[in-house]
Amino acid sequence: MRATSRLGVLLVTLAAFTAADAGDRRARQAVPLLEEPPGGDLWALRPAAEQLDSIAG
């Protein structure tokens, strides 16, 4: 199965690191080929409209 979303890529990468830590030989060989998981916020979070201060006056 091919991961196409950022979340999917993150999950596959974390699974490979976990398997490598558990001693899986193939995962240990694959880990250097993987990209570093993205840091920081993956999605910009905004407050809901009702949480915003009114500027109407």
PDB file of N, CA and C in Angstrom:
ATOM      1  N   MET A   1       0.851  -1.175   0.000  1.00  0.00           N
ATOM      2  CA  MET A   1       0.000   0.000   0.000  1.00  0.00           C
ATOM      3  C   MET A   1       0.897   1.239   0.000  1.00  0.00           C
ATOM      4  N   ARG A   2       0.532   2.227  -0.765  1.00  0.00           N
ATOM      5  CA  ARG A   2       1.334   3.437  -0.877  1.00  0.00           C
ATOM      6  C   ARG A   2       0.663   4.576  -0.111  1.00  0.00           C
ATOM      7  N   ALA A   3       1.431   5.215   0.747  1.00  0.00           N
ATOM      8  CA  ALA A   3       0.895   6.338   1.520  1.00  0.00           C
ATOM      9  C   ALA A   3       1.041   7.617   0.710  1.00  0.00           C
ATOM     10  N   THR A   4      -0.055   8.337   0.517  1.00  0.00           N
ATOM     11  CA  THR A   4       0.004   9.554  -0.279  1.00  0.00           C
ATOM     12  C   THR A   4      -0.226  10.803   0.552  1.00  0.00           C
ATOM     13  N   SER A   5      -0.832  10.683   1.707  1.00  0.00           N
ATOM     14  CA  SER A   5      -1.062  11.860   2.539  1.00  0.00           C
ATOM     15  C   SER A   5       0.116  12.060   3.493  1.00  0.00           C
ATOM     16  N   ARG A   6       0.255  13.260   3.991  1.00  0.00           N
ATOM     17  CA  ARG A   6       1.340  13.526   4.945  1.00  0.00           C
ATOM     18  C   ARG A   6       1.187  12.673   6.195  1.00  0.00           C
ATOM     19  N   LEU A   7      -0.057  12.499   6.642  1.00  0.00           N
ATOM     20  CA  LEU A   7      -0.294  11.671   7.821  1.00  0.00           C
ATOM     21  C   LEU A   7       0.092  10.227   7.525  1.00  0.00           C
ATOM     22  N   GLY A   8      -0.257   9.739   6.341  1.00  0.00           N
ATOM     23  CA  GLY A   8       0.109   8.377   5.965  1.00  0.00           C
ATOM     24  C   GLY A   8       1.610   8.179   5.915  1.00  0.00           C
ATOM     25  N   VAL A   9       2.317   9.145   5.351  1.00  0.00           N
ATOM     26  CA  VAL A   9       3.776   9.067   5.279  1.00  0.00           C
ATOM     27  C   VAL A   9       4.363   9.072   6.688  1.00  0.00           C
ATOM     28  N   LEU A  10       3.833   9.912   7.549  1.00  0.00           N
ATOM     29  CA  LEU A  10       4.299   9.972   8.926  1.00  0.00           C
ATOM     30  C   LEU A  10       4.087   8.633   9.625  1.00  0.00           C
ATOM     31  N   LEU A  11       2.913   8.026   9.446  1.00  0.00           N
ATOM     32  CA  LEU A  11       2.623   6.751  10.098  1.00  0.00           C
ATOM     33  C   LEU A  11       3.525   5.635   9.588  1.00  0.00           C
ATOM     34  N   VAL A  12       3.758   5.596   8.278  1.00  0.00           N
ATOM     35  CA  VAL A  12       4.636   4.574   7.710  1.00  0.00           C
ATOM     36  C   VAL A  12       6.058   4.762   8.213  1.00  0.00           C
ATOM     37  N   THR A  13       6.518   6.006   8.275  1.00  0.00           N
ATOM     38  CA  THR A  13       7.870   6.289   8.758  1.00  0.00           C
ATOM     39  C   THR A  13       8.020   5.883  10.212  1.00  0.00           C
ATOM     40  N   LEU A  14       7.055   6.248  11.037  1.00  0.00           N
ATOM     41  CA  LEU A  14       7.123   5.883  12.451  1.00  0.00           C
ATOM     42  C   LEU A  14       7.061   4.375  12.640  1.00  0.00           C
ATOM     43  N   ALA A  15       6.282   3.684  11.810  1.00  0.00           N
ATOM     44  CA  ALA A  15       6.211   2.219  11.890  1.00  0.00           C
ATOM     45  C   ALA A  15       7.563   1.602  11.541  1.00  0.00           C
ATOM     46  N   ALA A  16       8.246   2.153  10.550  1.00  0.00           N
ATOM     47  CA  ALA A  16       9.555   1.633  10.170  1.00  0.00           C
ATOM     48  C   ALA A  16      10.568   1.851  11.291  1.00  0.00           C
ATOM     49  N   PHE A  17      10.566   3.032  11.912  1.00  0.00           N
ATOM     50  CA  PHE A  17      11.483   3.294  13.017  1.00  0.00           C
ATOM     51  C   PHE A  17      11.182   2.359  14.195  1.00  0.00           C
ATOM     52  N   THR A  18       9.909   2.139  14.470  1.00  0.00           N
ATOM     53  CA  THR A  18       9.524   1.254  15.566  1.00  0.00           C
ATOM     54  C   THR A  18       9.971  -0.172  15.289  1.00  0.00           C
ATOM     55  N   ALA A  19       9.761  -0.643  14.064  1.00  0.00           N
ATOM     56  CA  ALA A  19      10.188  -1.996  13.701  1.00  0.00           C
ATOM     57  C   ALA A  19      11.707  -2.133  13.782  1.00  0.00           C
ATOM     58  N   ALA A  20      12.424  -1.095  13.351  1.00  0.00           N
ATOM     59  CA  ALA A  20      13.888  -1.129  13.429  1.00  0.00           C
ATOM     60  C   ALA A  20      14.345  -1.192  14.884  1.00  0.00           C
ATOM     61  N   ASP A  21      13.686  -0.413  15.740  1.00  0.00           N
ATOM     62  CA  ASP A  21      14.026  -0.444  17.165  1.00  0.00           C
ATOM     63  C   ASP A  21      13.742  -1.807  17.782  1.00  0.00           C
ATOM     64  N   ALA A  22      12.744  -2.518  17.241  1.00  0.00           N
ATOM     65  CA  ALA A  22      12.381  -3.839  17.752  1.00  0.00           C
ATOM     66  C   ALA A  22      13.293  -4.936  17.193  1.00  0.00           C
ATOM     67  N   GLY A  23      14.191  -4.559  16.266  1.00  0.00           N
ATOM     68  CA  GLY A  23      15.156  -5.526  15.769  1.00  0.00           C
ATOM     69  C   GLY A  23      14.882  -6.073  14.387  1.00  0.00           C
ATOM     70  N   ASP A  24      13.916  -5.535  13.669  1.00  0.00           N
ATOM     71  CA  ASP A  24      13.619  -6.014  12.317  1.00  0.00           C
ATOM     72  C   ASP A  24      14.755  -5.618  11.369  1.00  0.00           C
ATOM     73  N   ARG A  25      15.390  -6.621  10.742  1.00  0.00           N
ATOM     74  CA  ARG A  25      16.550  -6.382   9.889  1.00  0.00           C
ATOM     75  C   ARG A  25      16.207  -5.536   8.674  1.00  0.00           C
ATOM     76  N   ARG A  26      15.100  -5.854   7.997  1.00  0.00           N
ATOM     77  CA  ARG A  26      14.710  -5.099   6.800  1.00  0.00           C
ATOM     78  C   ARG A  26      14.356  -3.646   7.138  1.00  0.00           C
ATOM     79  N   ALA A  27      13.723  -3.438   8.293  1.00  0.00           N
ATOM     80  CA  ALA A  27      13.392  -2.073   8.708  1.00  0.00           C
ATOM     81  C   ALA A  27      14.659  -1.282   9.005  1.00  0.00           C
ATOM     82  N   ARG A  28      15.644  -1.927   9.649  1.00  0.00           N
ATOM     83  CA  ARG A  28      16.917  -1.240   9.929  1.00  0.00           C
ATOM     84  C   ARG A  28      17.607  -0.828   8.634  1.00  0.00           C
ATOM     85  N   GLN A  29      17.495  -1.645   7.592  1.00  0.00           N
ATOM     86  CA  GLN A  29      18.103  -1.308   6.306  1.00  0.00           C
ATOM     87  C   GLN A  29      17.347  -0.171   5.617  1.00  0.00           C
ATOM     88  N   ALA A  30      16.039  -0.080   5.848  1.00  0.00           N
ATOM     89  CA  ALA A  30      15.213   0.932   5.180  1.00  0.00           C
ATOM     90  C   ALA A  30      15.282   2.298   5.860  1.00  0.00           C
ATOM     91  N   VAL A  31      15.528   2.328   7.149  1.00  0.00           N
ATOM     92  CA  VAL A  31      15.480   3.588   7.902  1.00  0.00           C
ATOM     93  C   VAL A  31      16.386   4.671   7.310  1.00  0.00           C
ATOM     94  N   PRO A  32      17.635   4.384   6.913  1.00  0.00           N
ATOM     95  CA  PRO A  32      18.458   5.463   6.343  1.00  0.00           C
ATOM     96  C   PRO A  32      17.895   6.046   5.041  1.00  0.00           C
ATOM     97  N   LEU A  33      17.024   5.308   4.368  1.00  0.00           N
ATOM     98  CA  LEU A  33      16.446   5.776   3.115  1.00  0.00           C
ATOM     99  C   LEU A  33      15.221   6.661   3.321  1.00  0.00           C
ATOM    100  N   LEU A  34      14.687   6.674   4.545  1.00  0.00           N
ATOM    101  CA  LEU A  34      13.468   7.433   4.837  1.00  0.00           C
ATOM    102  C   LEU A  34      13.786   8.889   5.110  1.00  0.00           C
ATOM    103  N   GLU A  35      12.822   9.743   4.806  1.00  0.00           N
ATOM    104  CA  GLU A  35      12.945  11.155   5.147  1.00  0.00           C
ATOM    105  C   GLU A  35      12.573  11.344   6.609  1.00  0.00           C
ATOM    106  N   GLU A  36      13.142  12.377   7.198  1.00  0.00           N
ATOM    107  CA  GLU A  36      12.811  12.729   8.576  1.00  0.00           C
ATOM    108  C   GLU A  36      11.333  13.112   8.650  1.00  0.00           C
ATOM    109  N   PRO A  37      10.603  12.607   9.645  1.00  0.00           N
ATOM    110  CA  PRO A  37       9.198  13.022   9.777  1.00  0.00           C
ATOM    111  C   PRO A  37       9.105  14.536   9.947  1.00  0.00           C
ATOM    112  N   PRO A  38       8.074  15.155   9.398  1.00  0.00           N
ATOM    113  CA  PRO A  38       7.956  16.609   9.517  1.00  0.00           C
ATOM    114  C   PRO A  38       7.775  17.022  10.967  1.00  0.00           C
ATOM    115  N   GLY A  39       8.353  18.157  11.301  1.00  0.00           N
ATOM    116  CA  GLY A  39       8.207  18.679  12.651  1.00  0.00           C
ATOM    117  C   GLY A  39       7.177  19.789  12.671  1.00  0.00           C
ATOM    118  N   GLY A  40       6.777  20.156  13.826  1.00  0.00           N
ATOM    119  CA  GLY A  40       5.832  21.261  13.957  1.00  0.00           C
ATOM    120  C   GLY A  40       4.409  20.861  13.591  1.00  0.00           C
ATOM    121  N   ASP A  41       3.584  21.857  13.383  1.00  0.00           N
ATOM    122  CA  ASP A  41       2.179  21.628  13.071  1.00  0.00           C
ATOM    123  C   ASP A  41       2.025  21.156  11.636  1.00  0.00           C
ATOM    124  N   LEU A  42       1.282  20.064  11.456  1.00  0.00           N
ATOM    125  CA  LEU A  42       1.007  19.573  10.109  1.00  0.00           C
ATOM    126  C   LEU A  42      -0.150  20.342   9.480  1.00  0.00           C
ATOM    127  N   TRP A  43      -1.058  20.803  10.308  1.00  0.00           N
ATOM    128  CA  TRP A  43      -2.218  21.531   9.806  1.00  0.00           C
ATOM    129  C   TRP A  43      -2.360  22.828  10.589  1.00  0.00           C
ATOM    130  N   ALA A  44      -2.658  23.885   9.883  1.00  0.00           N
ATOM    131  CA  ALA A  44      -2.876  25.166  10.554  1.00  0.00           C
ATOM    132  C   ALA A  44      -4.218  25.114  11.290  1.00  0.00           C
ATOM    133  N   LEU A  45      -4.193  25.349  12.572  1.00  0.00           N
ATOM    134  CA  LEU A  45      -5.421  25.329  13.364  1.00  0.00           C
ATOM    135  C   LEU A  45      -5.893  26.763  13.560  1.00  0.00           C
ATOM    136  N   ARG A  46      -7.173  26.971  13.354  1.00  0.00           N
ATOM    137  CA  ARG A  46      -7.769  28.290  13.517  1.00  0.00           C
ATOM    138  C   ARG A  46      -8.948  28.179  14.477  1.00  0.00           C
ATOM    139  N   PRO A  47      -9.235  29.260  15.191  1.00  0.00           N
ATOM    140  CA  PRO A  47     -10.415  29.227  16.058  1.00  0.00           C
ATOM    141  C   PRO A  47     -11.686  29.223  15.210  1.00  0.00           C
ATOM    142  N   ALA A  48     -12.731  28.678  15.768  1.00  0.00           N
ATOM    143  CA  ALA A  48     -14.034  28.701  15.086  1.00  0.00           C
ATOM    144  C   ALA A  48     -14.540  30.131  15.015  1.00  0.00           C
ATOM    145  N   ALA A  49     -15.415  30.409  14.071  1.00  0.00           N
ATOM    146  CA  ALA A  49     -15.936  31.767  13.865  1.00  0.00           C
ATOM    147  C   ALA A  49     -16.551  32.332  15.138  1.00  0.00           C
ATOM    148  N   GLU A  50     -17.243  31.518  15.910  1.00  0.00           N
ATOM    149  CA  GLU A  50     -17.889  32.015  17.124  1.00  0.00           C
ATOM    150  C   GLU A  50     -16.877  32.314  18.233  1.00  0.00           C
ATOM    151  N   GLN A  51     -15.629  31.895  18.085  1.00  0.00           N
ATOM    152  CA  GLN A  51     -14.600  32.197  19.065  1.00  0.00           C
ATOM    153  C   GLN A  51     -13.858  33.497  18.772  1.00  0.00           C
ATOM    154  N   LEU A  52     -14.064  34.070  17.614  1.00  0.00           N
ATOM    155  CA  LEU A  52     -13.404  35.302  17.234  1.00  0.00           C
ATOM    156  C   LEU A  52     -14.078  36.511  17.862  1.00  0.00           C
ATOM    157  N   ASP A  53     -13.292  37.521  18.185  1.00  0.00           N
ATOM    158  CA  ASP A  53     -13.875  38.762  18.723  1.00  0.00           C
ATOM    159  C   ASP A  53     -14.613  39.485  17.606  1.00  0.00           C
ATOM    160  N   SER A  54     -15.742  40.037  17.942  1.00  0.00           N
ATOM    161  CA  SER A  54     -16.516  40.778  16.959  1.00  0.00           C
ATOM    162  C   SER A  54     -15.825  42.103  16.650  1.00  0.00           C
ATOM    163  N   ILE A  55     -15.728  42.443  15.375  1.00  0.00           N
ATOM    164  CA  ILE A  55     -15.161  43.739  14.984  1.00  0.00           C
ATOM    165  C   ILE A  55     -16.270  44.668  14.480  1.00  0.00           C
ATOM    166  N   ALA A  56     -17.515  44.201  14.594  1.00  0.00           N
ATOM    167  CA  ALA A  56     -18.664  44.975  14.109  1.00  0.00           C
ATOM    168  C   ALA A  56     -18.896  46.203  14.988  1.00  0.00           C
ATOM    169  N   GLY A  57     -18.445  46.141  16.201  1.00  0.00           N
ATOM    170  CA  GLY A  57     -18.558  47.323  17.021  1.00  0.00           C
ATOM    171  C   GLY A  57     -19.487  47.159  18.113  1.00  0.00           C
TER     172      GLY A  57
END
